[in-house]
C-alpha atoms as a PDB file:
ATOM      1  CA  UNK A   1     122.487  64.145 124.684  1.00  0.00           C
ATOM      2  CA  UNK A   2     125.121  64.849 122.016  1.00  0.00           C
ATOM      3  CA  UNK A   3     126.936  61.676 122.976  1.00  0.00           C
ATOM      4  CA  UNK A   4     123.824  59.680 122.044  1.00  0.00           C
ATOM      5  CA  UNK A   5     122.736  61.544 118.908  1.00  0.00           C
ATOM      6  CA  UNK A   6     124.777  63.331 116.276  1.00  0.00           C
ATOM      7  CA  UNK A   7     122.641  65.992 114.545  1.00  0.00           C
ATOM      8  CA  UNK A   8     125.395  66.609 111.962  1.00  0.00           C
ATOM      9  CA  UNK A   9     125.067  63.583 109.737  1.00  0.00           C
ATOM     10  CA  UNK A  10     127.199  64.905 106.902  1.00  0.00           C
ATOM     11  CA  UNK A  11     125.846  64.365 103.412  1.00  0.00           C
ATOM     12  CA  UNK A  12     123.379  61.647 104.338  1.00  0.00           C
ATOM     13  CA  UNK A  13     119.812  62.492 103.391  1.00  0.00           C
ATOM     14  CA  UNK A  14     117.460  63.230 106.234  1.00  0.00           C
ATOM     15  CA  UNK A  15     114.303  61.248 106.914  1.00  0.00           C
ATOM     16  CA  UNK A  16     111.080  62.310 108.614  1.00  0.00           C
ATOM     17  CA  UNK A  17     112.409  60.762 111.833  1.00  0.00           C
ATOM     18  CA  UNK A  18     115.269  63.289 111.826  1.00  0.00           C
ATOM     19  CA  UNK A  19     113.037  66.322 111.202  1.00  0.00           C
ATOM     20  CA  UNK A  20     113.901  67.763 114.642  1.00  0.00           C
ATOM     21  CA  UNK A  21     117.472  68.271 113.386  1.00  0.00           C
ATOM     22  CA  UNK A  22     116.466  69.695 110.006  1.00  0.00           C
ATOM     23  CA  UNK A  23     116.849  73.465 110.044  1.00  0.00           C
ATOM     24  CA  UNK A  24     117.829  76.361 107.825  1.00  0.00           C
ATOM     25  CA  UNK A  25     115.357  75.498 105.053  1.00  0.00           C
ATOM     26  CA  UNK A  26     112.131  76.640 106.736  1.00  0.00           C
ATOM     27  CA  UNK A  27     111.191  79.113 103.972  1.00  0.00           C
ATOM     28  CA  UNK A  28     111.621  76.487 101.236  1.00  0.00           C
ATOM     29  CA  UNK A  29     109.716  73.907 103.313  1.00  0.00           C
ATOM     30  CA  UNK A  30     106.852  76.397 103.824  1.00  0.00           C
ATOM     31  CA  UNK A  31     106.844  77.143 100.085  1.00  0.00           C
ATOM     32  CA  UNK A  32     106.509  73.436  99.293  1.00  0.00           C
ATOM     33  CA  UNK A  33     103.747  73.013 101.901  1.00  0.00           C
ATOM     34  CA  UNK A  34     101.912  75.965 100.320  1.00  0.00           C
ATOM     35  CA  UNK A  35     102.219  74.135  96.992  1.00  0.00           C
ATOM     36  CA  UNK A  36     100.275  71.207  98.463  1.00  0.00           C
ATOM     37  CA  UNK A  37      97.390  73.377  99.638  1.00  0.00           C
ATOM     38  CA  UNK A  38      94.159  73.990  97.815  1.00  0.00           C
ATOM     39  CA  UNK A  39      93.210  71.684  94.994  1.00  0.00           C
ATOM     40  CA  UNK A  40      92.611  68.067  96.017  1.00  0.00           C
ATOM     41  CA  UNK A  41      94.602  65.405  94.210  1.00  0.00           C
ATOM     42  CA  UNK A  42      97.469  67.760  93.456  1.00  0.00           C
ATOM     43  CA  UNK A  43     100.883  66.224  92.798  1.00  0.00           C
ATOM     44  CA  UNK A  44     103.921  68.243  93.740  1.00  0.00           C
ATOM     45  CA  UNK A  45     107.199  67.301  92.071  1.00  0.00           C
ATOM     46  CA  UNK A  46     110.592  68.472  93.221  1.00  0.00           C
ATOM     47  CA  UNK A  47     113.311  68.260  90.592  1.00  0.00           C
ATOM     48  CA  UNK A  48     116.961  69.200  91.012  1.00  0.00           C
ATOM     49  CA  UNK A  49     120.545  68.125  90.610  1.00  0.00           C
ATOM     50  CA  UNK A  50     121.893  65.188  92.553  1.00  0.00           C
ATOM     51  CA  UNK A  51     123.028  66.008  96.072  1.00  0.00           C
ATOM     52  CA  UNK A  52     121.256  69.360  96.505  1.00  0.00           C
ATOM     53  CA  UNK A  53     119.001  68.111  99.310  1.00  0.00           C
ATOM     54  CA  UNK A  54     115.744  67.174  97.561  1.00  0.00           C
ATOM     55  CA  UNK A  55     115.229  64.044  99.661  1.00  0.00           C
ATOM     56  CA  UNK A  56     116.077  65.859 102.885  1.00  0.00           C
ATOM     57  CA  UNK A  57     113.706  68.765 102.316  1.00  0.00           C
ATOM     58  CA  UNK A  58     110.895  66.424 101.302  1.00  0.00           C
ATOM     59  CA  UNK A  59     111.381  63.826 104.039  1.00  0.00           C
ATOM     60  CA  UNK A  60     112.626  65.846 107.019  1.00  0.00           C
ATOM     61  CA  UNK A  61     111.061  69.155 105.992  1.00  0.00           C
ATOM     62  CA  UNK A  62     107.727  68.570 104.247  1.00  0.00           C
ATOM     63  CA  UNK A  63     106.811  65.072 105.494  1.00  0.00           C
ATOM     64  CA  UNK A  64     108.071  65.951 108.976  1.00  0.00           C
ATOM     65  CA  UNK A  65     105.821  69.035 109.039  1.00  0.00           C
ATOM     66  CA  UNK A  66     102.841  67.095 107.637  1.00  0.00           C
ATOM     67  CA  UNK A  67     103.240  64.505 110.407  1.00  0.00           C
ATOM     68  CA  UNK A  68     103.868  66.951 113.277  1.00  0.00           C
ATOM     69  CA  UNK A  69     101.493  69.619 111.912  1.00  0.00           C
ATOM     70  CA  UNK A  70     103.925  72.330 112.974  1.00  0.00           C
ATOM     71  CA  UNK A  71     104.376  75.063 110.369  1.00  0.00           C
ATOM     72  CA  UNK A  72     108.082  75.645 109.681  1.00  0.00           C
ATOM     73  CA  UNK A  73     109.764  78.785 110.868  1.00  0.00           C
ATOM     74  CA  UNK A  74     107.443  81.516 112.012  1.00  0.00           C
ATOM     75  CA  UNK A  75     104.990  79.580 114.204  1.00  0.00           C
ATOM     76  CA  UNK A  76     102.031  80.109 111.878  1.00  0.00           C
ATOM     77  CA  UNK A  77      99.110  77.930 112.931  1.00  0.00           C
ATOM     78  CA  UNK A  78      98.531  74.748 110.929  1.00  0.00           C
ATOM     79  CA  UNK A  79      96.184  75.436 107.975  1.00  0.00           C
ATOM     80  CA  UNK A  80      92.743  73.812 107.956  1.00  0.00           C
ATOM     81  CA  UNK A  81      93.164  72.515 104.399  1.00  0.00           C
ATOM     82  CA  UNK A  82      96.124  70.375 105.555  1.00  0.00           C
ATOM     83  CA  UNK A  83      94.321  69.118 108.666  1.00  0.00           C
ATOM     84  CA  UNK A  84      94.211  65.488 107.452  1.00  0.00           C
ATOM     85  CA  UNK A  85      97.919  65.450 106.581  1.00  0.00           C
ATOM     86  CA  UNK A  86      98.838  62.919 109.282  1.00  0.00           C
ATOM     87  CA  UNK A  87      96.813  60.336 107.356  1.00  0.00           C
ATOM     88  CA  UNK A  88      98.497  61.067 104.019  1.00  0.00           C
ATOM     89  CA  UNK A  89     100.808  58.459 102.579  1.00  0.00           C
ATOM     90  CA  UNK A  90     103.840  60.022 100.931  1.00  0.00           C
ATOM     91  CA  UNK A  91     105.424  58.046  98.106  1.00  0.00           C
ATOM     92  CA  UNK A  92     109.078  58.427  97.241  1.00  0.00           C
ATOM     93  CA  UNK A  93     110.828  57.015  94.238  1.00  0.00           C
ATOM     94  CA  UNK A  94     113.963  57.206  92.179  1.00  0.00           C
ATOM     95  CA  UNK A  95     112.883  57.409  88.534  1.00  0.00           C
ATOM     96  CA  UNK A  96     115.912  55.605  87.092  1.00  0.00           C
ATOM     97  CA  UNK A  97     115.746  54.421  83.491  1.00  0.00           C
ATOM     98  CA  UNK A  98     112.005  53.642  83.628  1.00  0.00           C
ATOM     99  CA  UNK A  99     110.371  56.552  85.476  1.00  0.00           C
ATOM    100  CA  UNK A 100     106.762  55.608  84.656  1.00  0.00           C
ATOM    101  CA  UNK A 101     107.267  52.065  85.929  1.00  0.00           C
ATOM    102  CA  UNK A 102     109.072  53.418  89.029  1.00  0.00           C
ATOM    103  CA  UNK A 103     106.076  55.645  89.750  1.00  0.00           C
ATOM    104  CA  UNK A 104     103.634  52.738  89.393  1.00  0.00           C
ATOM    105  CA  UNK A 105     105.901  50.544  91.546  1.00  0.00           C
ATOM    106  CA  UNK A 106     105.900  53.165  94.332  1.00  0.00           C
ATOM    107  CA  UNK A 107     102.100  53.010  94.381  1.00  0.00           C
ATOM    108  CA  UNK A 108     102.037  49.192  94.196  1.00  0.00           C
ATOM    109  CA  UNK A 109     104.299  48.980  97.271  1.00  0.00           C
ATOM    110  CA  UNK A 110     101.558  50.678  99.274  1.00  0.00           C
ATOM    111  CA  UNK A 111      99.193  47.720  99.020  1.00  0.00           C
ATOM    112  CA  UNK A 112     101.022  44.657  97.709  1.00  0.00           C
ATOM    113  CA  UNK A 113     103.382  42.536  99.806  1.00  0.00           C
ATOM    114  CA  UNK A 114     104.754  40.145  97.178  1.00  0.00           C
ATOM    115  CA  UNK A 115     107.540  41.662  95.020  1.00  0.00           C
ATOM    116  CA  UNK A 116     106.379  39.661  91.984  1.00  0.00           C
ATOM    117  CA  UNK A 117     102.840  41.047  92.368  1.00  0.00           C
ATOM    118  CA  UNK A 118     104.261  44.568  92.716  1.00  0.00           C
ATOM    119  CA  UNK A 119     106.315  44.161  89.552  1.00  0.00           C
ATOM    120  CA  UNK A 120     103.332  42.816  87.596  1.00  0.00           C
ATOM    121  CA  UNK A 121     101.118  45.665  88.808  1.00  0.00           C
ATOM    122  CA  UNK A 122     103.781  48.257  87.911  1.00  0.00           C
ATOM    123  CA  UNK A 123     104.141  46.828  84.386  1.00  0.00           C
ATOM    124  CA  UNK A 124     100.352  46.817  83.992  1.00  0.00           C
ATOM    125  CA  UNK A 125     100.130  50.480  84.995  1.00  0.00           C
ATOM    126  CA  UNK A 126     103.067  51.486  82.803  1.00  0.00           C
ATOM    127  CA  UNK A 127     101.111  49.968  79.909  1.00  0.00           C
ATOM    128  CA  UNK A 128      97.912  51.685  81.076  1.00  0.00           C
ATOM    129  CA  UNK A 129      99.712  55.053  80.994  1.00  0.00           C
ATOM    130  CA  UNK A 130     100.799  54.412  77.411  1.00  0.00           C
ATOM    131  CA  UNK A 131      97.129  53.790  76.588  1.00  0.00           C
ATOM    132  CA  UNK A 132      95.813  57.008  78.135  1.00  0.00           C
ATOM    133  CA  UNK A 133      95.425  56.375  81.854  1.00  0.00           C
ATOM    134  CA  UNK A 134      96.229  59.311  84.109  1.00  0.00           C
ATOM    135  CA  UNK A 135      98.029  59.561  87.426  1.00  0.00           C
ATOM    136  CA  UNK A 136      94.641  60.260  89.044  1.00  0.00           C
ATOM    137  CA  UNK A 137      93.474  56.828  87.814  1.00  0.00           C
ATOM    138  CA  UNK A 138      96.433  55.110  89.476  1.00  0.00           C
ATOM    139  CA  UNK A 139      95.910  57.082  92.694  1.00  0.00           C
ATOM    140  CA  UNK A 140      92.210  56.117  92.748  1.00  0.00           C
ATOM    141  CA  UNK A 141      93.067  52.440  92.171  1.00  0.00           C
ATOM    142  CA  UNK A 142      95.637  52.577  94.980  1.00  0.00           C
ATOM    143  CA  UNK A 143      93.126  54.187  97.382  1.00  0.00           C
ATOM    144  CA  UNK A 144      90.569  51.496  96.526  1.00  0.00           C
ATOM    145  CA  UNK A 145      93.072  48.653  97.002  1.00  0.00           C
ATOM    146  CA  UNK A 146      94.321  50.071 100.314  1.00  0.00           C
ATOM    147  CA  UNK A 147      90.742  50.581 101.568  1.00  0.00           C
ATOM    148  CA  UNK A 148      89.872  47.002 100.576  1.00  0.00           C
ATOM    149  CA  UNK A 149      92.927  45.667 102.378  1.00  0.00           C
ATOM    150  CA  UNK A 150      92.079  47.718 105.479  1.00  0.00           C
ATOM    151  CA  UNK A 151      88.548  46.267 105.564  1.00  0.00           C
ATOM    152  CA  UNK A 152      89.699  42.668 105.355  1.00  0.00           C
ATOM    153  CA  UNK A 153      90.184  40.903 108.653  1.00  0.00           C
ATOM    154  CA  UNK A 154      93.744  40.807 109.967  1.00  0.00           C
ATOM    155  CA  UNK A 155      95.307  37.373 110.309  1.00  0.00           C
ATOM    156  CA  UNK A 156      94.599  35.547 113.561  1.00  0.00           C
ATOM    157  CA  UNK A 157      97.363  35.738 116.136  1.00  0.00           C
ATOM    158  CA  UNK A 158      98.515  32.332 117.290  1.00  0.00           C
ATOM    159  CA  UNK A 159      97.133  31.400 120.701  1.00  0.00           C
ATOM    160  CA  UNK A 160      99.262  29.877 123.441  1.00  0.00           C
ATOM    161  CA  UNK A 161      98.869  26.122 123.680  1.00  0.00           C
ATOM    162  CA  UNK A 162      95.669  25.190 125.518  1.00  0.00           C
ATOM    163  CA  UNK A 163      94.330  28.756 125.682  1.00  0.00           C
ATOM    164  CA  UNK A 164      91.084  29.920 124.122  1.00  0.00           C
ATOM    165  CA  UNK A 165      89.841  33.423 123.530  1.00  0.00           C
ATOM    166  CA  UNK A 166      87.322  32.981 126.349  1.00  0.00           C
ATOM    167  CA  UNK A 167      89.941  31.870 128.881  1.00  0.00           C
ATOM    168  CA  UNK A 168      92.225  34.791 128.051  1.00  0.00           C
ATOM    169  CA  UNK A 169      89.356  37.267 128.354  1.00  0.00           C
ATOM    170  CA  UNK A 170      88.250  35.699 131.652  1.00  0.00           C
ATOM    171  CA  UNK A 171      91.810  35.981 132.956  1.00  0.00           C
ATOM    172  CA  UNK A 172      91.955  39.666 132.020  1.00  0.00           C
ATOM    173  CA  UNK A 173      88.493  40.350 133.485  1.00  0.00           C
ATOM    174  CA  UNK A 174      89.539  38.760 136.772  1.00  0.00           C
ATOM    175  CA  UNK A 175      92.446  41.203 137.046  1.00  0.00           C
ATOM    176  CA  UNK A 176      90.207  44.292 137.011  1.00  0.00           C
ATOM    177  CA  UNK A 177      87.319  46.051 135.312  1.00  0.00           C
ATOM    178  CA  UNK A 178      87.333  45.540 131.567  1.00  0.00           C
ATOM    179  CA  UNK A 179      84.774  46.017 128.797  1.00  0.00           C
ATOM    180  CA  UNK A 180      83.115  42.908 127.398  1.00  0.00           C
ATOM    181  CA  UNK A 181      85.053  41.254 124.582  1.00  0.00           C
ATOM    182  CA  UNK A 182      82.991  41.483 121.362  1.00  0.00           C
ATOM    183  CA  UNK A 183      84.112  38.002 120.289  1.00  0.00           C
ATOM    184  CA  UNK A 184      83.695  36.195 123.588  1.00  0.00           C
ATOM    185  CA  UNK A 185      80.713  37.951 125.116  1.00  0.00           C
END
């Protein structure tokens, strides 16, 4: 196995996909998870010097635990108030010179495909914050936009030349028992 995967990646930050190799920070990861519990809509910020492992503990530690629902360290059972954590959408950002815009841009990436649309939305929200909007307002707008996008029909997949939905369903039905296609009947 060690020939295929190197768990010692040096100073590269860890991602949630490398959470199996993230160890030694279980107590800090549990502390951060505890910080997320309780009040709905809570925002947890982790601030520290460059290179101390903020990205690694968030991505491989916290996000990894939220996805796997395995409490770090002592084998404590997963808490009921974090039960929906697999459906949560973590946002990461580097604040840079315009931290408010970077925050709005991180949210805009969650529902907008076009970079120009993302930029326009981020500028709009940066202005909204200057005029009294709160982070909760941006989060609510993002939830609404994502829910609207999820309800819209996905784009049609191209069909092979000469095939129709009915002929593909008939072909599948002929190969074994299959529920009726809602589109074809």
